N, C-alpha and C. Protein backbone atom coordinates (compact mmCIF):
# COMPACT_ATOMS: atom_id res chain seq x y z
N MET A 1 0.83 -1.20 0.00
CA MET A 1 0.00 0.00 0.00
C MET A 1 0.87 1.26 0.00
N GLU A 2 1.94 1.22 0.73
CA GLU A 2 2.83 2.38 0.80
C GLU A 2 3.49 2.64 -0.56
N ASN A 3 3.89 1.58 -1.25
CA ASN A 3 4.51 1.74 -2.56
C ASN A 3 3.53 2.30 -3.58
N GLU A 4 2.25 1.95 -3.44
CA GLU A 4 1.24 2.46 -4.36
C GLU A 4 1.11 3.97 -4.25
N LYS A 5 1.11 4.49 -3.05
CA LYS A 5 0.99 5.94 -2.85
C LYS A 5 2.21 6.67 -3.38
N LYS A 6 3.38 6.09 -3.22
CA LYS A 6 4.60 6.73 -3.72
C LYS A 6 4.65 6.71 -5.24
N GLY A 7 4.10 5.66 -5.85
CA GLY A 7 4.20 5.52 -7.30
C GLY A 7 3.11 6.24 -8.08
N ASN A 8 2.04 6.66 -7.44
CA ASN A 8 0.93 7.27 -8.15
C ASN A 8 0.83 8.78 -7.99
N TRP A 9 1.77 9.41 -7.35
CA TRP A 9 1.68 10.85 -7.13
C TRP A 9 1.72 11.61 -8.44
N TRP A 10 2.46 11.12 -9.42
CA TRP A 10 2.63 11.85 -10.67
C TRP A 10 1.33 11.94 -11.46
N ILE A 11 0.50 10.90 -11.39
CA ILE A 11 -0.75 10.93 -12.15
C ILE A 11 -1.70 11.98 -11.58
N TRP A 12 -1.65 12.18 -10.28
CA TRP A 12 -2.47 13.22 -9.66
C TRP A 12 -1.96 14.61 -10.01
N LYS A 13 -0.65 14.74 -10.08
CA LYS A 13 -0.06 16.02 -10.49
C LYS A 13 -0.49 16.35 -11.91
N VAL A 14 -0.43 15.37 -12.80
CA VAL A 14 -0.86 15.57 -14.19
C VAL A 14 -2.34 15.92 -14.23
N PHE A 15 -3.14 15.20 -13.46
CA PHE A 15 -4.57 15.46 -13.41
C PHE A 15 -4.87 16.90 -13.01
N TRP A 16 -4.25 17.37 -11.95
CA TRP A 16 -4.53 18.73 -11.47
C TRP A 16 -4.05 19.80 -12.43
N ILE A 17 -2.90 19.59 -13.05
CA ILE A 17 -2.40 20.57 -14.02
C ILE A 17 -3.33 20.65 -15.22
N LEU A 18 -3.72 19.50 -15.76
CA LEU A 18 -4.63 19.50 -16.91
C LEU A 18 -6.01 20.03 -16.53
N LEU A 19 -6.44 19.76 -15.31
CA LEU A 19 -7.73 20.26 -14.85
C LEU A 19 -7.72 21.79 -14.78
N VAL A 20 -6.64 22.36 -14.28
CA VAL A 20 -6.55 23.82 -14.17
C VAL A 20 -6.54 24.46 -15.56
N VAL A 21 -5.74 23.93 -16.46
CA VAL A 21 -5.67 24.52 -17.80
C VAL A 21 -7.02 24.38 -18.52
N THR A 22 -7.65 23.22 -18.40
CA THR A 22 -8.95 23.01 -19.02
C THR A 22 -10.01 23.90 -18.39
N SER A 23 -9.95 24.09 -17.08
CA SER A 23 -10.91 24.96 -16.40
C SER A 23 -10.76 26.41 -16.87
N VAL A 24 -9.54 26.85 -17.08
CA VAL A 24 -9.31 28.21 -17.60
C VAL A 24 -9.93 28.33 -18.99
N GLU A 25 -9.73 27.30 -19.83
CA GLU A 25 -10.32 27.33 -21.16
C GLU A 25 -11.84 27.38 -21.11
N VAL A 26 -12.43 26.55 -20.26
CA VAL A 26 -13.89 26.51 -20.14
C VAL A 26 -14.42 27.84 -19.61
N LEU A 27 -13.79 28.39 -18.59
CA LEU A 27 -14.24 29.67 -18.04
C LEU A 27 -14.13 30.80 -19.07
N LEU A 28 -13.05 30.80 -19.82
CA LEU A 28 -12.93 31.82 -20.88
C LEU A 28 -13.98 31.61 -21.96
N GLY A 29 -14.28 30.35 -22.28
CA GLY A 29 -15.30 30.07 -23.28
C GLY A 29 -16.69 30.46 -22.82
N ILE A 30 -16.98 30.30 -21.54
CA ILE A 30 -18.30 30.65 -21.02
C ILE A 30 -18.43 32.16 -20.86
N ASN A 31 -17.43 32.79 -20.24
CA ASN A 31 -17.50 34.23 -19.96
C ASN A 31 -17.26 35.09 -21.19
N GLN A 32 -16.34 34.70 -22.04
CA GLN A 32 -15.94 35.44 -23.23
C GLN A 32 -15.77 36.93 -22.94
N PRO A 33 -14.69 37.30 -22.26
CA PRO A 33 -14.46 38.71 -21.94
C PRO A 33 -14.47 39.58 -23.21
N GLU A 34 -15.15 40.70 -23.12
CA GLU A 34 -15.32 41.57 -24.29
C GLU A 34 -14.00 42.03 -24.87
N ILE A 35 -13.04 42.32 -24.02
CA ILE A 35 -11.76 42.82 -24.51
C ILE A 35 -11.05 41.77 -25.37
N LEU A 36 -11.25 40.50 -25.05
CA LEU A 36 -10.62 39.43 -25.82
C LEU A 36 -11.41 39.08 -27.08
N VAL A 37 -12.71 39.31 -27.05
CA VAL A 37 -13.55 38.98 -28.20
C VAL A 37 -13.51 40.09 -29.24
N GLU A 38 -13.51 41.35 -28.80
CA GLU A 38 -13.57 42.48 -29.73
C GLU A 38 -12.24 42.78 -30.40
N ASN A 39 -11.12 42.57 -29.71
CA ASN A 39 -9.81 42.83 -30.30
C ASN A 39 -9.45 41.70 -31.25
N ARG A 40 -8.99 42.08 -32.43
CA ARG A 40 -8.66 41.09 -33.45
C ARG A 40 -7.18 41.14 -33.79
N PHE A 41 -6.66 39.95 -34.10
CA PHE A 41 -5.27 39.81 -34.53
C PHE A 41 -5.24 38.70 -35.57
N LEU A 42 -4.72 38.98 -36.73
CA LEU A 42 -4.68 38.03 -37.85
C LEU A 42 -6.06 37.52 -38.23
N GLY A 43 -7.04 38.39 -38.16
CA GLY A 43 -8.37 38.04 -38.64
C GLY A 43 -9.25 37.31 -37.65
N THR A 44 -8.80 37.06 -36.46
CA THR A 44 -9.63 36.38 -35.47
C THR A 44 -9.43 37.02 -34.11
N SER A 45 -10.30 36.72 -33.19
CA SER A 45 -10.25 37.37 -31.88
C SER A 45 -9.06 36.86 -31.06
N LEU A 46 -8.68 37.68 -30.10
CA LEU A 46 -7.59 37.28 -29.21
C LEU A 46 -7.97 36.06 -28.38
N LEU A 47 -9.25 35.88 -28.13
CA LEU A 47 -9.71 34.72 -27.37
C LEU A 47 -9.37 33.43 -28.11
N ASN A 48 -9.52 33.41 -29.42
CA ASN A 48 -9.14 32.23 -30.19
C ASN A 48 -7.65 31.95 -30.09
N HIS A 49 -6.84 33.01 -30.10
CA HIS A 49 -5.40 32.82 -29.97
C HIS A 49 -5.04 32.26 -28.59
N ILE A 50 -5.75 32.71 -27.56
CA ILE A 50 -5.51 32.17 -26.22
C ILE A 50 -5.87 30.69 -26.17
N PHE A 51 -6.99 30.32 -26.79
CA PHE A 51 -7.36 28.91 -26.84
C PHE A 51 -6.30 28.08 -27.56
N ILE A 52 -5.76 28.60 -28.65
CA ILE A 52 -4.74 27.88 -29.40
C ILE A 52 -3.50 27.68 -28.55
N VAL A 53 -3.07 28.72 -27.86
CA VAL A 53 -1.87 28.62 -27.01
C VAL A 53 -2.10 27.62 -25.87
N LEU A 54 -3.24 27.72 -25.20
CA LEU A 54 -3.52 26.79 -24.10
C LEU A 54 -3.62 25.35 -24.59
N THR A 55 -4.17 25.15 -25.77
CA THR A 55 -4.24 23.81 -26.33
C THR A 55 -2.86 23.27 -26.67
N LEU A 56 -1.99 24.12 -27.19
CA LEU A 56 -0.61 23.69 -27.47
C LEU A 56 0.13 23.35 -26.18
N VAL A 57 -0.11 24.12 -25.13
CA VAL A 57 0.52 23.84 -23.84
C VAL A 57 0.05 22.49 -23.31
N LYS A 58 -1.26 22.25 -23.38
CA LYS A 58 -1.78 20.96 -22.92
C LYS A 58 -1.25 19.81 -23.76
N ALA A 59 -1.20 19.99 -25.07
CA ALA A 59 -0.70 18.93 -25.94
C ALA A 59 0.77 18.62 -25.65
N GLY A 60 1.57 19.66 -25.48
CA GLY A 60 2.98 19.44 -25.15
C GLY A 60 3.16 18.74 -23.83
N TYR A 61 2.38 19.12 -22.84
CA TYR A 61 2.47 18.48 -21.53
C TYR A 61 2.04 17.02 -21.59
N ILE A 62 0.98 16.74 -22.34
CA ILE A 62 0.51 15.36 -22.48
C ILE A 62 1.56 14.52 -23.19
N VAL A 63 2.19 15.08 -24.22
CA VAL A 63 3.24 14.34 -24.92
C VAL A 63 4.41 14.06 -23.98
N LEU A 64 4.80 15.05 -23.19
CA LEU A 64 5.93 14.85 -22.27
C LEU A 64 5.63 13.79 -21.22
N VAL A 65 4.41 13.77 -20.72
CA VAL A 65 4.09 12.87 -19.62
C VAL A 65 3.72 11.48 -20.11
N PHE A 66 2.74 11.41 -21.00
CA PHE A 66 2.19 10.11 -21.37
C PHE A 66 2.98 9.39 -22.45
N MET A 67 3.84 10.09 -23.17
CA MET A 67 4.73 9.41 -24.10
C MET A 67 6.12 9.25 -23.48
N HIS A 68 6.21 9.52 -22.19
CA HIS A 68 7.42 9.33 -21.40
C HIS A 68 8.60 10.16 -21.90
N LEU A 69 8.32 11.29 -22.54
CA LEU A 69 9.41 12.17 -22.96
C LEU A 69 9.94 13.00 -21.80
N GLY A 70 9.19 13.07 -20.73
CA GLY A 70 9.61 13.85 -19.57
C GLY A 70 10.88 13.30 -18.93
N PHE A 71 11.16 12.04 -19.18
CA PHE A 71 12.32 11.40 -18.57
C PHE A 71 13.50 11.32 -19.53
N GLU A 72 13.34 11.87 -20.73
CA GLU A 72 14.41 11.85 -21.71
C GLU A 72 15.32 13.08 -21.54
N ARG A 73 16.37 13.11 -22.31
CA ARG A 73 17.26 14.27 -22.28
C ARG A 73 16.55 15.49 -22.85
N THR A 74 16.98 16.64 -22.39
CA THR A 74 16.33 17.88 -22.79
C THR A 74 16.41 18.10 -24.31
N THR A 75 17.53 17.78 -24.91
CA THR A 75 17.66 17.98 -26.35
C THR A 75 16.68 17.11 -27.12
N PHE A 76 16.43 15.90 -26.66
CA PHE A 76 15.48 15.03 -27.33
C PHE A 76 14.05 15.56 -27.18
N LYS A 77 13.74 16.08 -26.00
CA LYS A 77 12.40 16.68 -25.79
C LYS A 77 12.17 17.81 -26.78
N TRP A 78 13.14 18.70 -26.90
CA TRP A 78 12.99 19.84 -27.80
C TRP A 78 12.98 19.39 -29.26
N THR A 79 13.68 18.33 -29.58
CA THR A 79 13.67 17.80 -30.95
C THR A 79 12.27 17.34 -31.34
N ILE A 80 11.54 16.82 -30.40
CA ILE A 80 10.17 16.37 -30.66
C ILE A 80 9.19 17.53 -30.62
N LEU A 81 9.32 18.43 -29.66
CA LEU A 81 8.31 19.47 -29.43
C LEU A 81 8.45 20.70 -30.32
N ILE A 82 9.67 21.13 -30.61
CA ILE A 82 9.85 22.37 -31.36
C ILE A 82 9.24 22.31 -32.76
N PRO A 83 9.42 21.24 -33.53
CA PRO A 83 8.76 21.24 -34.85
C PRO A 83 7.24 21.39 -34.75
N ALA A 84 6.63 20.77 -33.77
CA ALA A 84 5.17 20.91 -33.61
C ALA A 84 4.82 22.33 -33.21
N PHE A 85 5.59 22.93 -32.31
CA PHE A 85 5.29 24.29 -31.86
C PHE A 85 5.62 25.34 -32.91
N ILE A 86 6.39 24.99 -33.91
CA ILE A 86 6.64 25.92 -35.03
C ILE A 86 5.64 25.67 -36.14
N LEU A 87 5.39 24.41 -36.45
CA LEU A 87 4.54 24.07 -37.59
C LEU A 87 3.07 24.43 -37.34
N ILE A 88 2.55 24.15 -36.17
CA ILE A 88 1.13 24.41 -35.90
C ILE A 88 0.82 25.91 -35.95
N PRO A 89 1.58 26.78 -35.28
CA PRO A 89 1.27 28.22 -35.44
C PRO A 89 1.47 28.72 -36.87
N TYR A 90 2.45 28.17 -37.58
CA TYR A 90 2.65 28.56 -38.97
C TYR A 90 1.44 28.19 -39.82
N LEU A 91 0.95 26.98 -39.67
CA LEU A 91 -0.23 26.55 -40.41
C LEU A 91 -1.46 27.37 -40.02
N LEU A 92 -1.58 27.69 -38.75
CA LEU A 92 -2.70 28.54 -38.31
C LEU A 92 -2.58 29.95 -38.89
N PHE A 93 -1.37 30.47 -38.98
CA PHE A 93 -1.16 31.78 -39.59
C PHE A 93 -1.60 31.77 -41.05
N ILE A 94 -1.21 30.73 -41.78
CA ILE A 94 -1.62 30.63 -43.18
C ILE A 94 -3.14 30.53 -43.28
N LEU A 95 -3.73 29.70 -42.46
CA LEU A 95 -5.17 29.51 -42.48
C LEU A 95 -5.91 30.81 -42.18
N LEU A 96 -5.47 31.52 -41.13
CA LEU A 96 -6.16 32.74 -40.73
C LEU A 96 -5.95 33.88 -41.72
N SER A 97 -4.73 34.02 -42.22
CA SER A 97 -4.48 35.12 -43.15
C SER A 97 -5.18 34.88 -44.49
N GLU A 98 -5.15 33.67 -45.00
CA GLU A 98 -5.84 33.37 -46.26
C GLU A 98 -7.36 33.41 -46.08
N GLY A 99 -7.83 32.96 -44.93
CA GLY A 99 -9.26 33.02 -44.66
C GLY A 99 -9.74 34.45 -44.55
N GLY A 100 -8.94 35.30 -43.92
CA GLY A 100 -9.28 36.72 -43.84
C GLY A 100 -9.29 37.38 -45.21
N TYR A 101 -8.34 37.02 -46.05
CA TYR A 101 -8.28 37.56 -47.40
C TYR A 101 -9.51 37.13 -48.20
N ALA A 102 -9.87 35.86 -48.10
CA ALA A 102 -11.04 35.36 -48.83
C ALA A 102 -12.31 36.02 -48.31
N TYR A 103 -12.39 36.26 -47.02
CA TYR A 103 -13.57 36.90 -46.44
C TYR A 103 -13.72 38.35 -46.94
N PHE A 104 -12.60 39.07 -47.01
CA PHE A 104 -12.67 40.46 -47.44
C PHE A 104 -12.91 40.60 -48.94
N MET A 105 -12.57 39.58 -49.73
CA MET A 105 -12.76 39.64 -51.18
C MET A 105 -14.18 39.28 -51.60
N MET A 106 -14.97 38.71 -50.71
CA MET A 106 -16.34 38.33 -51.08
C MET A 106 -17.25 39.51 -51.13
């Protein structure tokens, strides 16, 4: 029983971290503060950008924990995470800028 408590602390830590980040996302989605909804950047509201960043943070944390990258060397972690953190915002930039252009041309 003692070994079980020592070995399961990390899953509770992961649970609470993901719960907090998800709760922030849900609260922002329910409340939708006017300052974040009305201000636009790259054709969409700042609230959408906050959701994208929080989702990337959660995805990176899940990859580090559940794919056991958290125990690897730092260079290997960054080798896996940096391409995703560069490629996803780049693709979103293309999507938002082209979508904004198409919207204004209609």
